[in-house]
C-alpha atoms as a PDB file:
ATOM      1  CA  MET A   1      88.109 113.444  92.800  1.00  0.00           C
ATOM      2  CA  THR A   2      87.525 109.726  92.275  1.00  0.00           C
ATOM      3  CA  VAL A   3      84.253 107.866  92.390  1.00  0.00           C
ATOM      4  CA  LEU A   4      85.220 106.675  95.894  1.00  0.00           C
ATOM      5  CA  ASP A   5      85.734 110.256  97.044  1.00  0.00           C
ATOM      6  CA  THR A   6      82.292 111.133  95.731  1.00  0.00           C
ATOM      7  CA  LEU A   7      80.696 108.107  97.406  1.00  0.00           C
ATOM      8  CA  LEU A   8      82.318 108.782 100.766  1.00  0.00           C
ATOM      9  CA  SER A   9      81.465 112.464 100.662  1.00  0.00           C
ATOM     10  CA  ARG A  10      77.794 111.589 100.955  1.00  0.00           C
ATOM     11  CA  ARG A  11      77.910 110.186 104.509  1.00  0.00           C
ATOM     12  CA  GLY A  12      81.587 109.821 105.397  1.00  0.00           C
ATOM     13  CA  TYR A  13      81.251 106.055 105.116  1.00  0.00           C
ATOM     14  CA  ALA A  14      79.762 103.559 102.644  1.00  0.00           C
ATOM     15  CA  LEU A  15      78.307 100.083 102.976  1.00  0.00           C
ATOM     16  CA  ILE A  16      79.770  97.239 100.880  1.00  0.00           C
ATOM     17  CA  ASP A  17      77.980  93.982 100.099  1.00  0.00           C
ATOM     18  CA  GLY A  18      78.136  90.548 101.727  1.00  0.00           C
ATOM     19  CA  ALA A  19      79.227  87.137 100.487  1.00  0.00           C
ATOM     20  CA  THR A  20      78.869  86.596  96.739  1.00  0.00           C
ATOM     21  CA  GLY A  21      79.425  82.841  96.945  1.00  0.00           C
ATOM     22  CA  THR A  22      76.660  82.397  99.523  1.00  0.00           C
ATOM     23  CA  GLU A  23      74.184  84.007  97.199  1.00  0.00           C
ATOM     24  CA  LEU A  24      75.278  81.960  94.225  1.00  0.00           C
ATOM     25  CA  PHE A  25      75.010  78.712  96.095  1.00  0.00           C
ATOM     26  CA  ARG A  26      71.457  79.708  97.108  1.00  0.00           C
ATOM     27  CA  ARG A  27      70.783  80.068  93.389  1.00  0.00           C
ATOM     28  CA  GLY A  28      72.054  76.660  92.478  1.00  0.00           C
ATOM     29  CA  LEU A  29      75.827  76.886  92.026  1.00  0.00           C
ATOM     30  CA  GLU A  30      77.440  73.513  92.803  1.00  0.00           C
ATOM     31  CA  SER A  31      80.549  73.123  94.905  1.00  0.00           C
ATOM     32  CA  GLY A  32      83.588  72.894  92.646  1.00  0.00           C
ATOM     33  CA  ASP A  33      81.961  74.721  89.724  1.00  0.00           C
ATOM     34  CA  PRO A  34      83.577  77.984  88.554  1.00  0.00           C
ATOM     35  CA  PRO A  35      81.314  80.888  89.607  1.00  0.00           C
ATOM     36  CA  GLU A  36      82.786  83.082  86.853  1.00  0.00           C
ATOM     37  CA  ALA A  37      81.275  80.807  84.150  1.00  0.00           C
ATOM     38  CA  TRP A  38      77.844  81.953  85.336  1.00  0.00           C
ATOM     39  CA  ASN A  39      78.617  85.473  84.065  1.00  0.00           C
ATOM     40  CA  ILE A  40      77.984  83.989  80.603  1.00  0.00           C
ATOM     41  CA  ASP A  41      75.831  80.970  81.334  1.00  0.00           C
ATOM     42  CA  GLU A  42      73.497  82.353  84.013  1.00  0.00           C
ATOM     43  CA  PRO A  43      73.515  86.171  83.715  1.00  0.00           C
ATOM     44  CA  GLU A  44      70.108  86.653  85.323  1.00  0.00           C
ATOM     45  CA  LYS A  45      71.166  84.749  88.422  1.00  0.00           C
ATOM     46  CA  ILE A  46      74.304  86.891  88.698  1.00  0.00           C
ATOM     47  CA  LYS A  47      72.291  90.086  88.385  1.00  0.00           C
ATOM     48  CA  SER A  48      69.833  88.714  90.979  1.00  0.00           C
ATOM     49  CA  ALA A  49      72.703  88.164  93.397  1.00  0.00           C
ATOM     50  CA  TYR A  50      74.054  91.640  92.832  1.00  0.00           C
ATOM     51  CA  ARG A  51      70.564  93.155  93.186  1.00  0.00           C
ATOM     52  CA  ALA A  52      69.935  91.373  96.463  1.00  0.00           C
ATOM     53  CA  TYR A  53      72.733  93.297  98.119  1.00  0.00           C
ATOM     54  CA  VAL A  54      71.922  96.580  96.450  1.00  0.00           C
ATOM     55  CA  ASP A  55      68.320  96.251  97.588  1.00  0.00           C
ATOM     56  CA  ALA A  56      69.569  95.420 101.075  1.00  0.00           C
ATOM     57  CA  GLY A  57      71.378  98.796 101.175  1.00  0.00           C
ATOM     58  CA  SER A  58      74.846  98.291  99.731  1.00  0.00           C
ATOM     59  CA  ASP A  59      76.451 101.392  98.232  1.00  0.00           C
ATOM     60  CA  LEU A  60      79.182  99.319  96.619  1.00  0.00           C
ATOM     61  CA  PHE A  61      79.201  95.709  95.489  1.00  0.00           C
ATOM     62  CA  LEU A  62      81.839  93.349  94.226  1.00  0.00           C
ATOM     63  CA  THR A  63      81.618  91.621  90.851  1.00  0.00           C
ATOM     64  CA  ASN A  64      81.561  87.843  90.385  1.00  0.00           C
ATOM     65  CA  SER A  65      85.181  87.698  89.253  1.00  0.00           C
ATOM     66  CA  PHE A  66      87.187  86.679  92.335  1.00  0.00           C
ATOM     67  CA  GLY A  67      88.831  83.805  90.474  1.00  0.00           C
ATOM     68  CA  GLY A  68      89.151  85.704  87.213  1.00  0.00           C
ATOM     69  CA  THR A  69      92.891  85.467  86.553  1.00  0.00           C
ATOM     70  CA  HIS A  70      94.016  82.965  83.970  1.00  0.00           C
ATOM     71  CA  TYR A  71      95.739  81.032  86.728  1.00  0.00           C
ATOM     72  CA  ARG A  72      92.473  80.358  88.524  1.00  0.00           C
ATOM     73  CA  LEU A  73      90.390  79.933  85.407  1.00  0.00           C
ATOM     74  CA  ALA A  74      92.886  77.354  84.059  1.00  0.00           C
ATOM     75  CA  LEU A  75      91.714  75.013  86.812  1.00  0.00           C
ATOM     76  CA  HIS A  76      88.425  74.806  84.863  1.00  0.00           C
ATOM     77  CA  LYS A  77      89.917  75.043  81.369  1.00  0.00           C
ATOM     78  CA  LEU A  78      88.612  78.592  80.993  1.00  0.00           C
ATOM     79  CA  GLU A  79      91.962  80.376  80.737  1.00  0.00           C
ATOM     80  CA  ASP A  80      91.156  81.541  77.170  1.00  0.00           C
ATOM     81  CA  GLN A  81      88.088  83.417  78.415  1.00  0.00           C
ATOM     82  CA  VAL A  82      89.672  85.815  80.893  1.00  0.00           C
ATOM     83  CA  PHE A  83      88.573  88.984  79.142  1.00  0.00           C
ATOM     84  CA  GLU A  84      85.119  87.693  78.274  1.00  0.00           C
ATOM     85  CA  LEU A  85      84.248  86.429  81.779  1.00  0.00           C
ATOM     86  CA  ASN A  86      85.548  89.536  83.526  1.00  0.00           C
ATOM     87  CA  GLU A  87      83.928  91.874  81.104  1.00  0.00           C
ATOM     88  CA  ALA A  88      80.612  90.096  81.632  1.00  0.00           C
ATOM     89  CA  ALA A  89      80.939  90.245  85.418  1.00  0.00           C
ATOM     90  CA  ALA A  90      81.350  93.989  85.349  1.00  0.00           C
ATOM     91  CA  ARG A  91      78.801  94.594  82.623  1.00  0.00           C
ATOM     92  CA  LEU A  92      76.122  92.784  84.557  1.00  0.00           C
ATOM     93  CA  GLY A  93      77.038  94.803  87.600  1.00  0.00           C
ATOM     94  CA  ARG A  94      76.908  98.017  85.608  1.00  0.00           C
ATOM     95  CA  GLU A  95      73.351  97.114  84.435  1.00  0.00           C
ATOM     96  CA  VAL A  96      72.186  96.599  88.063  1.00  0.00           C
ATOM     97  CA  ALA A  97      73.862  99.796  89.264  1.00  0.00           C
ATOM     98  CA  GLU A  98      72.432 101.929  86.484  1.00  0.00           C
ATOM     99  CA  SER A  99      68.935 100.479  86.835  1.00  0.00           C
ATOM    100  CA  THR A 100      68.971 101.131  90.593  1.00  0.00           C
ATOM    101  CA  MET A 101      70.150 104.703  90.249  1.00  0.00           C
ATOM    102  CA  ALA A 102      67.613 105.387  87.475  1.00  0.00           C
ATOM    103  CA  ASN A 103      64.794 104.225  89.777  1.00  0.00           C
ATOM    104  CA  HIS A 104      66.251 105.886  92.885  1.00  0.00           C
ATOM    105  CA  PRO A 105      67.938 109.167  91.899  1.00  0.00           C
ATOM    106  CA  ASP A 106      69.016 109.782  95.453  1.00  0.00           C
ATOM    107  CA  ARG A 107      71.219 106.686  95.496  1.00  0.00           C
ATOM    108  CA  MET A 108      74.792 106.159  94.292  1.00  0.00           C
ATOM    109  CA  VAL A 109      75.861 102.548  93.550  1.00  0.00           C
ATOM    110  CA  VAL A 110      79.459 101.715  92.806  1.00  0.00           C
ATOM    111  CA  VAL A 111      80.606  98.568  90.931  1.00  0.00           C
ATOM    112  CA  ALA A 112      83.872  97.141  92.233  1.00  0.00           C
ATOM    113  CA  GLY A 113      85.754  94.674  90.020  1.00  0.00           C
ATOM    114  CA  SER A 114      86.809  91.845  92.298  1.00  0.00           C
ATOM    115  CA  MET A 115      90.310  90.435  91.753  1.00  0.00           C
ATOM    116  CA  GLY A 116      91.290  87.558  94.019  1.00  0.00           C
ATOM    117  CA  PRO A 117      94.670  85.846  94.487  1.00  0.00           C
ATOM    118  CA  THR A 118      96.124  83.691  91.711  1.00  0.00           C
ATOM    119  CA  GLY A 119      96.624  80.690  93.988  1.00  0.00           C
ATOM    120  CA  GLU A 120     100.273  80.631  92.926  1.00  0.00           C
ATOM    121  CA  LEU A 121     103.399  81.411  94.967  1.00  0.00           C
ATOM    122  CA  LEU A 122     105.813  84.079  93.821  1.00  0.00           C
ATOM    123  CA  GLU A 123     109.534  83.399  93.399  1.00  0.00           C
ATOM    124  CA  PRO A 124     111.571  82.216  95.180  1.00  0.00           C
ATOM    125  CA  MET A 125     108.956  80.207  97.134  1.00  0.00           C
ATOM    126  CA  GLY A 126     107.118  79.352  93.925  1.00  0.00           C
ATOM    127  CA  SER A 127     107.512  79.584  90.166  1.00  0.00           C
ATOM    128  CA  MET A 128     105.430  82.718  89.388  1.00  0.00           C
ATOM    129  CA  SER A 129     107.516  85.801  88.650  1.00  0.00           C
ATOM    130  CA  PRO A 130     106.353  89.330  89.661  1.00  0.00           C
ATOM    131  CA  THR A 131     106.198  90.170  85.939  1.00  0.00           C
ATOM    132  CA  ALA A 132     103.924  87.227  85.168  1.00  0.00           C
ATOM    133  CA  CYS A 133     101.764  88.021  88.209  1.00  0.00           C
ATOM    134  CA  ALA A 134     101.308  91.639  87.146  1.00  0.00           C
ATOM    135  CA  ALA A 135     100.472  90.565  83.603  1.00  0.00           C
ATOM    136  CA  ALA A 136      97.741  88.231  84.898  1.00  0.00           C
ATOM    137  CA  PHE A 137      96.061  90.969  86.847  1.00  0.00           C
ATOM    138  CA  GLU A 138      96.495  93.446  84.010  1.00  0.00           C
ATOM    139  CA  GLN A 139      94.601  91.061  81.745  1.00  0.00           C
ATOM    140  CA  GLN A 140      91.814  90.650  84.297  1.00  0.00           C
ATOM    141  CA  ALA A 141      91.572  94.362  84.924  1.00  0.00           C
ATOM    142  CA  GLU A 142      91.226  95.072  81.214  1.00  0.00           C
ATOM    143  CA  GLY A 143      88.073  92.964  81.129  1.00  0.00           C
ATOM    144  CA  LEU A 144      86.637  94.525  84.256  1.00  0.00           C
ATOM    145  CA  ALA A 145      87.302  98.045  83.019  1.00  0.00           C
ATOM    146  CA  ALA A 146      85.763  97.295  79.617  1.00  0.00           C
ATOM    147  CA  GLY A 147      82.641  95.970  81.323  1.00  0.00           C
ATOM    148  CA  GLY A 148      82.123  99.164  83.270  1.00  0.00           C
ATOM    149  CA  ALA A 149      83.608  98.642  86.738  1.00  0.00           C
ATOM    150  CA  ASP A 150      84.020 101.871  88.720  1.00  0.00           C
ATOM    151  CA  VAL A 151      86.958 100.664  90.809  1.00  0.00           C
ATOM    152  CA  LEU A 152      89.282  97.641  90.869  1.00  0.00           C
ATOM    153  CA  TRP A 153      89.153  95.664  94.125  1.00  0.00           C
ATOM    154  CA  ILE A 154      92.101  93.404  94.881  1.00  0.00           C
ATOM    155  CA  GLU A 155      90.961  91.172  97.731  1.00  0.00           C
ATOM    156  CA  THR A 156      91.824  88.316 100.175  1.00  0.00           C
ATOM    157  CA  MET A 157      95.544  88.723  99.641  1.00  0.00           C
ATOM    158  CA  SER A 158      98.141  87.032 101.882  1.00  0.00           C
ATOM    159  CA  SER A 159     101.361  88.247 100.271  1.00  0.00           C
ATOM    160  CA  LEU A 160     102.600  91.811 100.048  1.00  0.00           C
ATOM    161  CA  GLU A 161     104.438  90.914  96.883  1.00  0.00           C
ATOM    162  CA  GLU A 162     101.370  89.568  95.114  1.00  0.00           C
ATOM    163  CA  LEU A 163      99.330  92.564  96.239  1.00  0.00           C
ATOM    164  CA  GLU A 164     101.969  94.916  94.819  1.00  0.00           C
ATOM    165  CA  SER A 165     102.136  93.005  91.509  1.00  0.00           C
ATOM    166  CA  ALA A 166      98.366  93.032  91.310  1.00  0.00           C
ATOM    167  CA  ALA A 167      98.286  96.825  91.840  1.00  0.00           C
ATOM    168  CA  ILE A 168     100.942  97.307  89.177  1.00  0.00           C
ATOM    169  CA  GLY A 169      98.978  95.222  86.701  1.00  0.00           C
ATOM    170  CA  ALA A 170      95.715  96.969  87.530  1.00  0.00           C
ATOM    171  CA  ARG A 171      97.235 100.382  86.918  1.00  0.00           C
ATOM    172  CA  ARG A 172      98.727  99.316  83.640  1.00  0.00           C
ATOM    173  CA  ALA A 173      95.297  98.292  82.412  1.00  0.00           C
ATOM    174  CA  CYS A 174      93.377 101.472  83.239  1.00  0.00           C
ATOM    175  CA  ASP A 175      93.142 104.553  85.410  1.00  0.00           C
ATOM    176  CA  LEU A 176      90.399 103.290  87.723  1.00  0.00           C
ATOM    177  CA  PRO A 177      90.882 103.677  91.502  1.00  0.00           C
ATOM    178  CA  VAL A 178      92.586 100.619  93.037  1.00  0.00           C
ATOM    179  CA  CYS A 179      91.578  99.197  96.424  1.00  0.00           C
ATOM    180  CA  ALA A 180      93.033  96.191  98.208  1.00  0.00           C
ATOM    181  CA  THR A 181      92.269  93.957 101.189  1.00  0.00           C
ATOM    182  CA  MET A 182      94.298  91.261 102.918  1.00  0.00           C
ATOM    183  CA  SER A 183      93.020  88.288 104.929  1.00  0.00           C
ATOM    184  CA  PHE A 184      94.329  88.126 108.501  1.00  0.00           C
ATOM    185  CA  ASP A 185      93.748  84.531 109.363  1.00  0.00           C
ATOM    186  CA  THR A 186      96.880  83.328 111.192  1.00  0.00           C
ATOM    187  CA  ALA A 187      97.216  84.673 114.717  1.00  0.00           C
ATOM    188  CA  GLY A 188      96.567  88.226 113.635  1.00  0.00           C
ATOM    189  CA  ARG A 189      98.694  87.993 110.501  1.00  0.00           C
ATOM    190  CA  THR A 190      98.082  86.807 106.980  1.00  0.00           C
ATOM    191  CA  MET A 191      99.128  83.301 105.955  1.00  0.00           C
ATOM    192  CA  MET A 192     102.396  84.840 104.700  1.00  0.00           C
ATOM    193  CA  GLY A 193     103.048  86.689 107.967  1.00  0.00           C
ATOM    194  CA  VAL A 194     101.864  90.136 106.999  1.00  0.00           C
ATOM    195  CA  THR A 195     100.567  92.465 109.774  1.00  0.00           C
ATOM    196  CA  GLY A 196      98.140  95.283 109.419  1.00  0.00           C
ATOM    197  CA  THR A 197     101.040  97.674 109.986  1.00  0.00           C
ATOM    198  CA  MET A 198     102.913  96.227 107.021  1.00  0.00           C
ATOM    199  CA  ALA A 199      99.814  96.405 104.840  1.00  0.00           C
ATOM    200  CA  GLY A 200      99.263 100.052 105.765  1.00  0.00           C
ATOM    201  CA  GLU A 201     102.903 100.894 104.980  1.00  0.00           C
ATOM    202  CA  LEU A 202     102.658  99.232 101.526  1.00  0.00           C
ATOM    203  CA  ALA A 203      99.356 100.961 100.729  1.00  0.00           C
ATOM    204  CA  THR A 204     100.928 104.331 101.646  1.00  0.00           C
ATOM    205  CA  ARG A 205     103.943 103.665  99.429  1.00  0.00           C
ATOM    206  CA  LEU A 206     101.837 102.530  96.494  1.00  0.00           C
ATOM    207  CA  GLY A 207      99.259 105.256  96.883  1.00  0.00           C
ATOM    208  CA  LEU A 208      96.363 102.844  96.891  1.00  0.00           C
ATOM    209  CA  ASP A 209      92.915 104.456  96.946  1.00  0.00           C
ATOM    210  CA  ALA A 210      91.870 102.203  99.870  1.00  0.00           C
ATOM    211  CA  ILE A 211      93.362  99.340 101.930  1.00  0.00           C
ATOM    212  CA  GLY A 212      91.880  97.039 104.472  1.00  0.00           C
ATOM    213  CA  ALA A 213      90.979  93.570 105.681  1.00  0.00           C
ATOM    214  CA  ASN A 214      88.463  90.992 104.539  1.00  0.00           C
ATOM    215  CA  CYS A 215      87.573  87.394 105.304  1.00  0.00           C
ATOM    216  CA  GLY A 216      89.999  86.244 108.043  1.00  0.00           C
ATOM    217  CA  ASN A 217      89.814  83.945 110.995  1.00  0.00           C
ATOM    218  CA  ASN A 218      87.653  86.085 113.247  1.00  0.00           C
ATOM    219  CA  LEU A 219      86.241  89.594 113.597  1.00  0.00           C
ATOM    220  CA  ALA A 220      88.693  90.490 116.380  1.00  0.00           C
ATOM    221  CA  ASP A 221      91.719  90.011 114.119  1.00  0.00           C
ATOM    222  CA  THR A 222      90.080  91.885 111.281  1.00  0.00           C
ATOM    223  CA  GLU A 223      89.359  94.831 113.559  1.00  0.00           C
ATOM    224  CA  ALA A 224      92.870  94.738 114.996  1.00  0.00           C
ATOM    225  CA  ALA A 225      94.384  94.917 111.506  1.00  0.00           C
ATOM    226  CA  ILE A 226      92.252  97.968 110.705  1.00  0.00           C
ATOM    227  CA  ARG A 227      93.453  99.728 113.840  1.00  0.00           C
ATOM    228  CA  GLN A 228      97.060  98.980 112.883  1.00  0.00           C
ATOM    229  CA  MET A 229      96.589 100.432 109.422  1.00  0.00           C
ATOM    230  CA  HIS A 230      94.959 103.527 110.874  1.00  0.00           C
ATOM    231  CA  GLU A 231      97.911 103.982 113.212  1.00  0.00           C
ATOM    232  CA  VAL A 232     100.337 103.798 110.296  1.00  0.00           C
ATOM    233  CA  ASN A 233      98.540 106.519 108.327  1.00  0.00           C
ATOM    234  CA  PRO A 234      95.336 108.100 109.595  1.00  0.00           C
ATOM    235  CA  GLU A 235      94.727 109.464 106.073  1.00  0.00           C
ATOM    236  CA  LEU A 236      94.253 106.022 104.551  1.00  0.00           C
ATOM    237  CA  VAL A 237      90.779 105.096 103.363  1.00  0.00           C
ATOM    238  CA  LEU A 238      90.189 101.837 105.217  1.00  0.00           C
ATOM    239  CA  ILE A 239      88.073  98.793 104.260  1.00  0.00           C
ATOM    240  CA  SER A 240      86.649  96.339 106.780  1.00  0.00           C
ATOM    241  CA  LYS A 241      84.812  93.306 105.382  1.00  0.00           C
ATOM    242  CA  GLY A 242      84.871  90.596 108.057  1.00  0.00           C
ATOM    243  CA  ASN A 243      83.338  87.156 107.996  1.00  0.00           C
ATOM    244  CA  ALA A 244      79.982  86.565 109.696  1.00  0.00           C
ATOM    245  CA  GLY A 245      81.450  85.191 112.908  1.00  0.00           C
ATOM    246  CA  ILE A 246      83.298  81.883 112.867  1.00  0.00           C
ATOM    247  CA  PRO A 247      82.479  78.755 110.859  1.00  0.00           C
ATOM    248  CA  GLU A 248      81.037  75.676 112.566  1.00  0.00           C
ATOM    249  CA  TRP A 249      80.091  72.340 111.007  1.00  0.00           C
ATOM    250  CA  HIS A 250      76.501  71.322 111.547  1.00  0.00           C
ATOM    251  CA  GLY A 251      76.562  67.799 110.198  1.00  0.00           C
ATOM    252  CA  SER A 252      77.700  68.125 106.575  1.00  0.00           C
ATOM    253  CA  GLU A 253      76.877  71.836 106.329  1.00  0.00           C
ATOM    254  CA  LEU A 254      79.084  74.787 107.282  1.00  0.00           C
ATOM    255  CA  HIS A 255      77.372  77.521 109.222  1.00  0.00           C
ATOM    256  CA  TYR A 256      78.639  80.866 110.516  1.00  0.00           C
ATOM    257  CA  THR A 257      77.935  82.121 114.023  1.00  0.00           C
ATOM    258  CA  GLY A 258      77.566  85.782 113.046  1.00  0.00           C
ATOM    259  CA  THR A 259      73.930  86.829 113.159  1.00  0.00           C
ATOM    260  CA  PRO A 260      72.806  90.124 111.596  1.00  0.00           C
ATOM    261  CA  GLU A 261      72.964  91.617 115.107  1.00  0.00           C
ATOM    262  CA  VAL A 262      76.584  90.516 115.525  1.00  0.00           C
ATOM    263  CA  MET A 263      77.553  92.014 112.179  1.00  0.00           C
ATOM    264  CA  ALA A 264      75.707  95.254 112.817  1.00  0.00           C
ATOM    265  CA  ALA A 265      77.569  95.745 116.069  1.00  0.00           C
ATOM    266  CA  TYR A 266      80.832  94.869 114.279  1.00  0.00           C
ATOM    267  CA  ALA A 267      80.048  97.470 111.619  1.00  0.00           C
ATOM    268  CA  VAL A 268      79.912 100.159 114.269  1.00  0.00           C
ATOM    269  CA  ARG A 269      83.180  99.018 115.842  1.00  0.00           C
ATOM    270  CA  ALA A 270      84.839  98.982 112.410  1.00  0.00           C
ATOM    271  CA  ARG A 271      83.673 102.544 111.848  1.00  0.00           C
ATOM    272  CA  GLU A 272      85.043 103.583 115.224  1.00  0.00           C
ATOM    273  CA  ALA A 273      88.368 101.900 114.383  1.00  0.00           C
ATOM    274  CA  GLY A 274      88.748 104.090 111.335  1.00  0.00           C
ATOM    275  CA  ALA A 275      87.124 102.132 108.481  1.00  0.00           C
ATOM    276  CA  SER A 276      84.905 104.059 106.083  1.00  0.00           C
ATOM    277  CA  LEU A 277      84.138 101.213 103.644  1.00  0.00           C
ATOM    278  CA  ILE A 278      82.374  98.511 105.664  1.00  0.00           C
ATOM    279  CA  GLY A 279      80.789  95.267 104.628  1.00  0.00           C
ATOM    280  CA  ALA A 280      80.659  91.525 105.364  1.00  0.00           C
ATOM    281  CA  CYS A 281      82.374  88.468 103.860  1.00  0.00           C
ATOM    282  CA  CYS A 282      81.896  84.702 104.164  1.00  0.00           C
ATOM    283  CA  GLY A 283      78.628  83.547 105.680  1.00  0.00           C
ATOM    284  CA  SER A 284      76.887  86.861 105.331  1.00  0.00           C
ATOM    285  CA  GLU A 285      73.581  87.404 103.471  1.00  0.00           C
ATOM    286  CA  PRO A 286      71.439  90.401 102.490  1.00  0.00           C
ATOM    287  CA  GLU A 287      69.760  90.217 105.912  1.00  0.00           C
ATOM    288  CA  HIS A 288      73.115  91.068 107.511  1.00  0.00           C
ATOM    289  CA  ILE A 289      73.592  94.001 105.209  1.00  0.00           C
ATOM    290  CA  THR A 290      70.088  95.337 105.828  1.00  0.00           C
ATOM    291  CA  LEU A 291      70.660  95.556 109.619  1.00  0.00           C
ATOM    292  CA  MET A 292      74.197  96.920 109.162  1.00  0.00           C
ATOM    293  CA  ARG A 293      72.751  99.680 107.011  1.00  0.00           C
ATOM    294  CA  SER A 294      70.056 100.545 109.508  1.00  0.00           C
ATOM    295  CA  VAL A 295      72.433 100.616 112.479  1.00  0.00           C
ATOM    296  CA  LEU A 296      75.194 102.529 110.752  1.00  0.00           C
ATOM    297  CA  ASP A 297      72.680 105.119 109.591  1.00  0.00           C
ATOM    298  CA  GLY A 298      71.392 105.503 113.141  1.00  0.00           C
ATOM    299  CA  ASP A 299      67.908 104.244 112.325  1.00  0.00           C
ATOM    300  CA  GLN A 300      68.209 101.484 114.914  1.00  0.00           C
ATOM    301  CA  PRO A 301      70.362 101.285 118.068  1.00  0.00           C
ATOM    302  CA  VAL A 302      73.560  99.241 118.148  1.00  0.00           C
ATOM    303  CA  PRO A 303      72.559  95.671 119.071  1.00  0.00           C
ATOM    304  CA  GLU A 304      73.502  94.495 122.556  1.00  0.00           C
ATOM    305  CA  VAL A 305      75.603  91.491 121.572  1.00  0.00           C
ATOM    306  CA  GLU A 306      78.720  89.878 122.899  1.00  0.00           C
ATOM    307  CA  ALA A 307      82.040  90.712 121.265  1.00  0.00           C
ATOM    308  CA  VAL A 308      84.916  88.323 121.892  1.00  0.00           C
ATOM    309  CA  THR A 309      88.645  88.441 121.416  1.00  0.00           C
ATOM    310  CA  ALA A 310      90.506  86.211 119.032  1.00  0.00           C
ATOM    311  CA  THR A 311      91.495  83.987 121.980  1.00  0.00           C
ATOM    312  CA  THR A 312      87.949  83.450 123.169  1.00  0.00           C
ATOM    313  CA  GLN A 313      86.773  82.819 119.662  1.00  0.00           C
ATOM    314  CA  LEU A 314      89.383  80.095 119.327  1.00  0.00           C
ATOM    315  CA  VAL A 315      88.199  78.514 122.568  1.00  0.00           C
ATOM    316  CA  ALA A 316      84.615  78.737 121.408  1.00  0.00           C
ATOM    317  CA  LYS A 317      85.462  77.126 118.107  1.00  0.00           C
ATOM    318  CA  LYS A 318      87.181  74.211 119.836  1.00  0.00           C
ATOM    319  CA  ARG A 319      84.247  73.746 122.168  1.00  0.00           C
ATOM    320  CA  GLY A 320      81.683  74.078 119.384  1.00  0.00           C
ATOM    321  CA  GLY A 321      80.054  77.182 120.804  1.00  0.00           C
ATOM    322  CA  ARG A 322      80.644  80.714 122.000  1.00  0.00           C
ATOM    323  CA  ARG A 323      81.650  81.773 125.478  1.00  0.00           C
ATOM    324  CA  ARG A 324      80.748  85.088 127.070  1.00  0.00           C
ATOM    325  CA  GLY A 325      82.880  88.070 126.166  1.00  0.00           C
ATOM    326  CA  ARG A 326      82.779  91.826 126.255  1.00  0.00           C
ATOM    327  CA  ARG A 327      79.973  93.882 124.824  1.00  0.00           C
ATOM    328  CA  ALA A 328      80.101  95.311 121.317  1.00  0.00           C
ATOM    329  CA  GLY A 329      81.714  98.627 122.066  1.00  0.00           C
ATOM    330  CA  ASP A 330      84.576  97.213 124.099  1.00  0.00           C
ATOM    331  CA  VAL A 331      86.622  95.647 121.343  1.00  0.00           C
ATOM    332  CA  ALA A 332      87.065  98.922 119.427  1.00  0.00           C
ATOM    333  CA  SER A 333      89.522 100.168 122.047  1.00  0.00           C
ATOM    334  CA  ALA A 334      91.241  96.835 122.744  1.00  0.00           C
ATOM    335  CA  PRO A 335      94.955  96.655 121.901  1.00  0.00           C
ATOM    336  CA  ALA A 336      95.906  95.098 118.557  1.00  0.00           C
ATOM    337  CA  ASP A 337      97.089  91.527 118.622  1.00  0.00           C
ATOM    338  CA  ASP A 338     100.600  91.028 117.231  1.00  0.00           C
END
């Protein structure tokens, strides 16, 4: 039994965190600066960001290591610090998790080592070979494992080939459970044309501990991808970590339309669609997680909010607002978009 099995045995589902970047910007991170550098330079701020989501009710949180491969760190001349920065990201998370569980013996908090895409294209479209890709993720995973991560969390992938190489590298580094999510942001597919069905098939073949969707263009596409994965293999442990609505520019600032109520209703739909690991991505804050926790646990009723399809969200985005759609429970049974 893995740590994920133990976590999910407690309720049948678990709550993930919200947006790491949002919390770091609130703490002073400047646009263009490498968040991973803060694992060494600003450790208390990193722990504060982790703790905000744990205090909000997250059972599992992601480390500040999304851009932790040498490919991404090289953009900031930090490629020689891959192990150090990833080890620190996980170690700080371990400290927060252990402190929380010591003070609240009834809680279980899992640290997930975040591993985002390299930003490179695999051959033949690009110059990165599968071997080099796997080696980059292996190096990152070694640091995360050394720092005390409970699971490795490959996220925001667009390419099946990169996801597979990342999983290979992760498993070479250690024996931690490996989870993965893809971003469905292009008419119900990833940027590289991957559907939820294809992701579910790959996860089944690789024996991943969990598979799912995060980020994406809208909640409707994220939910549709989850339903497709569930149809491929109902035994898969599914992850749903959608953005807080859709982004809109308010002057020079980017805001997301997803209120805590919108995300709490989404969390229930994601659970109904088959997801057991549920959280929020871009634009979300601890306030979103707090209400998602309360609603999922049945302490508050499901908010009466509008749920819209991908089509109506696109129309709303073009018009600069939202148009009326179906209520929260309706989308869960809507057909998947292809």
